Amino acid sequence: MKKRTNLLALVLSITAITFTLFGCSSDTGQKKSIAAPGSATETGGGADQASADESINEQVLVDQDGIKITATEYVTDSIWGDGIKLLVENNSAKDYTIGCDALIVNDYMITDLFSADVAAGKKSNEVMYLSSTELKAAGIDTVGQIEMYFHAYDSNWDNLFKNVYSKLETSEFANMDTTPNDEEQELYNANGVRIVGKTVDENSFWGTAILLYIENTSGQNVGINVDNMSINGYMMTPLFSTTVYDGKKSIDDITIMSSDLEANGITSVDQVELKFHIYNAESYDTIADSDAITFTAQ
């Protein structure tokens, strides 16, 4: 079981690293704007990457069931970007894996790079990195507030705890900009969920990436999938599934694999049609299935 746990951690780490390095579309090449059919738009510039001016006071984030997690320092790495150094202490009688259910920076859902295996009675120094590409996509250049939901489970996948909430404010809390990065074409706005199409990047790592801004004011945590998607009239198999907590925002990609486009002879993404499936993230009950939404890439 320990080997299985380590294998899962390796797979998750590789996946997270890949999406961190190449997710939220690429930084090079021309991106197309998203518009309603027949309209024209202009593409705006992106925000700078998060600054390195932040610091934190040491703070206990979790002290529960023999697990103690302390934030000790705000760090910046030339490859991984900004992160929080953590001291993870396991004072229980069992080995546990500690990770995050959700990470939220300045009210934006952000992918974390954090998973720690800590044996009974031991400690571990770890760093929870904040995805630099996602910070940039969200327009976050100053990290002021970090919200974390922690979990811990044993080698049998039994949870010691989950969704344990903690909030950390940096030295730049008073200066953080919480203006929504919601420019471009609104695709959906109902049931407390707003979705804006921002850009189409035909040169992303996996193929083509359609960048979305999502805002959730529904009063519940929501999950969103994409159904019945076509490009230039050809059906596609999109890679997209996201969770947005209540009162939070997210910048996410719909990814279309290059092999899917090539199989249909598509060399330029011009017209997109899709439906959004929106559901409660805890119960999986359907909140809404949108009508077909059509937009162009210019």
Protein backbone atom coordinates (compact mmCIF):
# COMPACT_ATOMS: atom_id res chain seq x y z
CA MET A 1 0.00 0.00 0.00
CA LYS A 2 2.91 2.32 0.72
CA LYS A 3 4.20 1.75 -2.82
CA ARG A 4 0.77 2.59 -4.18
CA THR A 5 0.71 5.79 -2.12
CA ASN A 6 4.14 6.80 -3.37
CA LEU A 7 3.17 6.02 -6.96
CA LEU A 8 0.04 8.16 -6.67
CA ALA A 9 2.03 11.01 -5.17
CA LEU A 10 4.53 10.76 -8.05
CA VAL A 11 1.77 10.79 -10.68
CA LEU A 12 0.02 13.73 -9.01
CA SER A 13 3.29 15.63 -8.73
CA ILE A 14 4.14 15.09 -12.41
CA THR A 15 0.62 16.09 -13.44
CA ALA A 16 0.65 19.18 -11.25
CA ILE A 17 4.11 20.18 -12.47
CA THR A 18 3.06 19.77 -16.10
CA PHE A 19 -0.05 21.89 -15.70
CA THR A 20 1.86 24.46 -13.65
CA LEU A 21 4.55 24.83 -16.28
CA PHE A 22 2.30 24.62 -19.33
CA GLY A 23 -1.25 25.26 -18.10
CA CYS A 24 -3.40 28.38 -18.51
CA SER A 25 -2.20 28.64 -22.14
CA SER A 26 1.27 29.60 -23.28
CA ASP A 27 3.15 32.87 -22.84
CA THR A 28 4.35 32.92 -26.45
CA GLY A 29 2.57 33.23 -29.76
CA GLN A 30 -0.51 35.15 -30.83
CA LYS A 31 -3.74 34.47 -28.98
CA LYS A 32 -7.19 34.99 -30.48
CA SER A 33 -9.88 36.95 -28.72
CA ILE A 34 -13.27 35.40 -27.99
CA ALA A 35 -16.32 37.19 -29.34
CA ALA A 36 -19.98 36.66 -30.07
CA PRO A 37 -20.56 35.64 -33.70
CA GLY A 38 -20.21 38.65 -36.00
CA SER A 39 -18.47 40.94 -33.49
CA ALA A 40 -14.88 42.12 -33.23
CA THR A 41 -12.69 42.56 -30.13
CA GLU A 42 -9.21 43.67 -29.19
CA THR A 43 -6.79 41.54 -27.22
CA GLY A 44 -5.49 43.09 -23.98
CA GLY A 45 -2.14 42.54 -22.35
CA GLY A 46 -1.45 40.19 -19.46
CA ALA A 47 -0.42 41.06 -15.95
CA ASP A 48 3.10 40.77 -14.63
CA GLN A 49 4.09 37.81 -12.50
CA ALA A 50 3.72 38.00 -8.73
CA SER A 51 6.29 40.18 -7.02
CA ALA A 52 8.86 39.01 -4.48
CA ASP A 53 8.07 41.64 -1.82
CA GLU A 54 5.73 39.52 0.29
CA SER A 55 6.57 38.16 3.72
CA ILE A 56 4.56 36.44 6.46
CA ASN A 57 4.59 36.09 10.21
CA GLU A 58 4.99 32.55 11.47
CA GLN A 59 1.51 31.09 11.96
CA VAL A 60 0.03 27.73 12.97
CA LEU A 61 -2.36 26.71 10.20
CA VAL A 62 -3.51 23.32 11.50
CA ASP A 63 -3.22 21.71 14.94
CA GLN A 64 -5.62 18.78 14.91
CA ASP A 65 -5.59 15.01 15.53
CA GLY A 66 -1.85 15.00 16.15
CA ILE A 67 -1.02 16.87 12.94
CA LYS A 68 0.46 20.35 13.20
CA ILE A 69 1.20 22.54 10.18
CA THR A 70 3.05 25.82 10.65
CA ALA A 71 3.69 28.45 7.98
CA THR A 72 7.21 29.72 8.60
CA GLU A 73 8.30 31.79 5.60
CA TYR A 74 7.25 33.25 2.24
CA VAL A 75 9.74 32.06 -0.38
CA THR A 76 10.39 32.64 -4.08
CA ASP A 77 12.07 30.12 -6.38
CA SER A 78 13.39 30.96 -9.85
CA ILE A 79 11.72 27.86 -11.32
CA TRP A 80 8.69 27.14 -9.14
CA GLY A 81 7.75 30.71 -8.29
CA ASP A 82 6.25 31.91 -5.01
CA GLY A 83 5.47 29.57 -2.15
CA ILE A 84 4.89 29.13 1.56
CA LYS A 85 7.43 27.18 3.59
CA LEU A 86 5.66 24.78 5.95
CA LEU A 87 6.77 22.76 8.95
CA VAL A 88 4.60 19.63 9.06
CA GLU A 89 4.66 17.67 12.34
CA ASN A 90 3.07 14.27 12.79
CA ASN A 91 2.63 13.64 16.51
CA SER A 92 0.17 10.80 15.96
CA ALA A 93 0.84 7.05 16.09
CA LYS A 94 0.35 6.51 12.34
CA ASP A 95 1.99 7.61 9.10
CA TYR A 96 -0.01 10.19 7.16
CA THR A 97 -0.02 11.97 3.83
CA ILE A 98 -0.95 15.64 4.13
CA GLY A 99 -2.15 17.74 1.22
CA CYS A 100 -4.57 20.42 0.10
CA ASP A 101 -8.20 20.08 -0.96
CA ALA A 102 -8.17 23.66 -2.24
CA LEU A 103 -5.83 26.64 -2.39
CA ILE A 104 -7.18 30.16 -2.91
CA VAL A 105 -5.01 33.23 -3.51
CA ASN A 106 -6.59 36.71 -3.48
CA ASP A 107 -9.98 34.97 -3.92
CA TYR A 108 -8.79 32.98 -6.98
CA MET A 109 -8.70 29.17 -7.02
CA ILE A 110 -5.05 28.23 -7.67
CA THR A 111 -3.34 24.87 -8.21
CA ASP A 112 -1.00 23.95 -5.36
CA LEU A 113 2.13 21.83 -5.53
CA PHE A 114 2.04 20.23 -2.10
CA SER A 115 1.93 16.69 -0.77
CA ALA A 116 3.88 15.52 2.27
CA ASP A 117 4.36 11.97 3.56
CA VAL A 118 5.24 12.22 7.26
CA ALA A 119 5.91 9.16 9.40
CA ALA A 120 4.54 8.86 12.93
CA GLY A 121 6.50 11.03 15.35
CA LYS A 122 8.43 12.81 12.60
CA LYS A 123 8.61 16.29 11.07
CA SER A 124 9.09 17.53 7.54
CA ASN A 125 10.00 20.90 6.02
CA GLU A 126 7.94 21.44 2.88
CA VAL A 127 7.05 24.24 0.46
CA MET A 128 3.56 24.80 -0.89
CA TYR A 129 4.19 26.47 -4.24
CA LEU A 130 1.61 28.74 -5.86
CA SER A 131 1.28 28.14 -9.60
CA SER A 132 3.07 31.09 -11.19
CA THR A 133 1.26 30.67 -14.52
CA GLU A 134 -2.11 30.72 -12.77
CA LEU A 135 -1.20 33.78 -10.71
CA LYS A 136 -0.24 35.58 -13.90
CA ALA A 137 -3.39 34.45 -15.73
CA ALA A 138 -5.50 35.77 -12.84
CA GLY A 139 -3.71 39.11 -12.93
CA ILE A 140 -2.21 38.62 -9.47
CA ASP A 141 1.02 40.58 -9.11
CA THR A 142 0.81 40.95 -5.32
CA VAL A 143 -0.13 37.99 -3.11
CA GLY A 144 -2.04 39.35 -0.12
CA GLN A 145 -4.20 36.50 1.14
CA ILE A 146 -3.87 32.72 0.95
CA GLU A 147 -6.70 30.39 1.97
CA MET A 148 -6.01 26.68 2.37
CA TYR A 149 -8.16 23.60 2.94
CA PHE A 150 -6.01 20.75 4.28
CA HIS A 151 -6.55 16.99 4.38
CA ALA A 152 -4.68 14.04 5.88
CA TYR A 153 -5.11 10.35 5.07
CA ASP A 154 -3.37 7.10 5.96
CA SER A 155 -2.02 4.25 3.80
CA ASN A 156 -5.53 2.76 3.58
CA TRP A 157 -6.87 6.03 2.13
CA ASP A 158 -8.87 6.64 5.31
CA ASN A 159 -9.15 10.35 6.09
CA LEU A 160 -7.88 11.62 9.41
CA PHE A 161 -9.44 14.96 8.46
CA LYS A 162 -10.36 16.89 5.33
CA ASN A 163 -11.28 20.44 4.34
CA VAL A 164 -9.64 21.96 7.43
CA TYR A 165 -9.61 25.68 6.68
CA SER A 166 -6.86 28.18 7.41
CA LYS A 167 -6.17 31.71 6.19
CA LEU A 168 -2.81 33.44 5.91
CA GLU A 169 -2.27 37.14 5.24
CA THR A 170 1.02 38.42 3.82
CA SER A 171 2.70 41.77 4.41
CA GLU A 172 1.04 42.96 1.18
CA PHE A 173 -2.52 42.23 2.29
CA ALA A 174 -3.51 45.91 2.33
CA ASN A 175 -2.09 46.41 -1.18
CA MET A 176 -3.53 43.40 -2.99
CA ASP A 177 -5.72 44.08 -6.02
CA THR A 178 -8.97 42.11 -6.03
CA THR A 179 -10.34 43.63 -9.26
CA PRO A 180 -11.87 40.78 -11.31
CA ASN A 181 -9.88 39.83 -14.41
CA ASP A 182 -13.15 39.44 -16.30
CA GLU A 183 -12.65 41.33 -19.56
CA GLU A 184 -13.75 39.86 -22.92
CA GLN A 185 -16.89 37.95 -23.94
CA GLU A 186 -19.46 36.82 -21.37
CA LEU A 187 -20.64 33.31 -22.23
CA TYR A 188 -22.89 32.45 -19.28
CA ASN A 189 -24.40 34.35 -16.36
CA ALA A 190 -27.12 32.59 -14.36
CA ASN A 191 -27.68 30.69 -11.11
CA GLY A 192 -24.92 32.70 -9.42
CA VAL A 193 -22.28 31.49 -11.89
CA ARG A 194 -20.64 33.79 -14.43
CA ILE A 195 -18.32 32.51 -17.18
CA VAL A 196 -16.32 34.78 -19.49
CA GLY A 197 -14.38 33.60 -22.54
CA LYS A 198 -11.03 35.40 -22.65
CA THR A 199 -8.67 34.04 -25.30
CA VAL A 200 -8.02 31.10 -27.61
CA ASP A 201 -4.38 29.98 -27.68
CA GLU A 202 -3.70 27.66 -30.63
CA ASN A 203 -0.08 27.11 -29.53
CA SER A 204 -0.57 25.78 -26.01
CA PHE A 205 1.42 22.79 -24.78
CA TRP A 206 -1.33 20.21 -25.44
CA GLY A 207 -2.89 21.77 -28.53
CA THR A 208 -5.44 24.56 -28.19
CA ALA A 209 -6.47 26.23 -24.92
CA ILE A 210 -9.62 28.30 -24.43
CA LEU A 211 -9.11 30.52 -21.40
CA LEU A 212 -12.12 31.17 -19.15
CA TYR A 213 -12.81 33.47 -16.21
CA ILE A 214 -15.31 31.93 -13.76
CA GLU A 215 -16.99 33.64 -10.81
CA ASN A 216 -19.18 31.85 -8.27
CA THR A 217 -21.67 33.79 -6.13
CA SER A 218 -24.23 30.97 -5.96
CA GLY A 219 -24.00 30.26 -2.22
CA GLN A 220 -22.52 26.79 -2.82
CA ASN A 221 -19.29 25.26 -4.12
CA VAL A 222 -19.76 24.36 -7.77
CA GLY A 223 -18.17 22.05 -10.30
CA ILE A 224 -18.25 22.82 -14.02
CA ASN A 225 -17.78 20.52 -17.02
CA VAL A 226 -18.11 21.05 -20.77
CA ASP A 227 -20.48 18.96 -22.93
CA ASN A 228 -21.27 18.72 -26.65
CA MET A 229 -18.32 20.79 -27.77
CA SER A 230 -17.59 21.38 -31.45
CA ILE A 231 -14.97 23.41 -33.30
CA ASN A 232 -15.70 24.58 -36.83
CA GLY A 233 -18.64 22.17 -36.81
CA TYR A 234 -16.62 19.08 -35.76
CA MET A 235 -17.25 17.37 -32.43
CA MET A 236 -14.35 17.51 -29.97
CA THR A 237 -13.40 15.79 -26.71
CA PRO A 238 -12.44 18.69 -24.42
CA LEU A 239 -10.35 18.31 -21.28
CA PHE A 240 -12.01 20.50 -18.69
CA SER A 241 -13.28 20.09 -15.15
CA THR A 242 -13.03 22.73 -12.48
CA THR A 243 -14.28 23.43 -8.97
CA VAL A 244 -14.94 26.98 -7.79
CA TYR A 245 -15.77 27.59 -4.15
CA ASP A 246 -18.58 29.94 -3.16
CA GLY A 247 -17.56 33.59 -3.35
CA LYS A 248 -14.40 32.76 -5.30
CA LYS A 249 -13.08 33.14 -8.83
CA SER A 250 -11.03 31.01 -11.18
CA ILE A 251 -9.05 31.22 -14.41
CA ASP A 252 -9.14 27.87 -16.24
CA ASP A 253 -8.38 26.37 -19.65
CA ILE A 254 -10.56 24.20 -21.82
CA THR A 255 -7.94 22.06 -23.55
CA ILE A 256 -8.42 20.49 -26.98
CA MET A 257 -5.72 18.00 -27.86
CA SER A 258 -3.79 18.65 -31.07
CA SER A 259 -4.48 15.06 -32.16
CA ASP A 260 -8.24 15.75 -31.99
CA LEU A 261 -7.85 18.82 -34.19
CA GLU A 262 -5.55 17.06 -36.65
CA ALA A 263 -7.93 14.11 -36.99
CA ASN A 264 -10.59 16.55 -38.21
CA GLY A 265 -8.30 18.58 -40.45
CA ILE A 266 -8.63 21.72 -38.32
CA THR A 267 -5.71 24.12 -38.65
CA SER A 268 -7.48 27.23 -37.33
CA VAL A 269 -10.03 27.50 -34.52
CA ASP A 270 -12.69 29.86 -35.86
CA GLN A 271 -16.05 28.93 -34.34
CA VAL A 272 -16.74 27.11 -31.07
CA GLU A 273 -19.98 25.71 -29.70
CA LEU A 274 -20.40 24.10 -26.29
CA LYS A 275 -22.65 23.58 -23.29
CA PHE A 276 -21.72 24.02 -19.62
CA HIS A 277 -22.80 21.45 -17.03
CA ILE A 278 -22.85 23.08 -13.57
CA TYR A 279 -23.35 21.03 -10.41
CA ASN A 280 -22.99 21.12 -6.63
CA ALA A 281 -19.40 20.09 -5.87
CA GLU A 282 -20.38 18.11 -2.75
CA SER A 283 -23.63 16.38 -3.74
CA TYR A 284 -23.07 16.37 -7.54
CA ASP A 285 -26.68 17.50 -7.95
CA THR A 286 -27.19 19.41 -11.18
CA ILE A 287 -27.53 23.17 -10.80
CA ALA A 288 -27.88 23.96 -14.50
CA ASP A 289 -27.20 22.69 -18.00
CA SER A 290 -26.73 25.66 -20.30
CA ASP A 291 -28.16 26.01 -23.78
CA ALA A 292 -25.70 25.70 -26.64
CA ILE A 293 -23.27 28.65 -26.53
CA THR A 294 -21.56 29.76 -29.74
CA PHE A 295 -18.61 32.13 -30.06
CA THR A 296 -15.90 32.96 -32.54
CA ALA A 297 -12.12 33.21 -32.21
CA GLN A 298 -10.62 36.22 -33.97
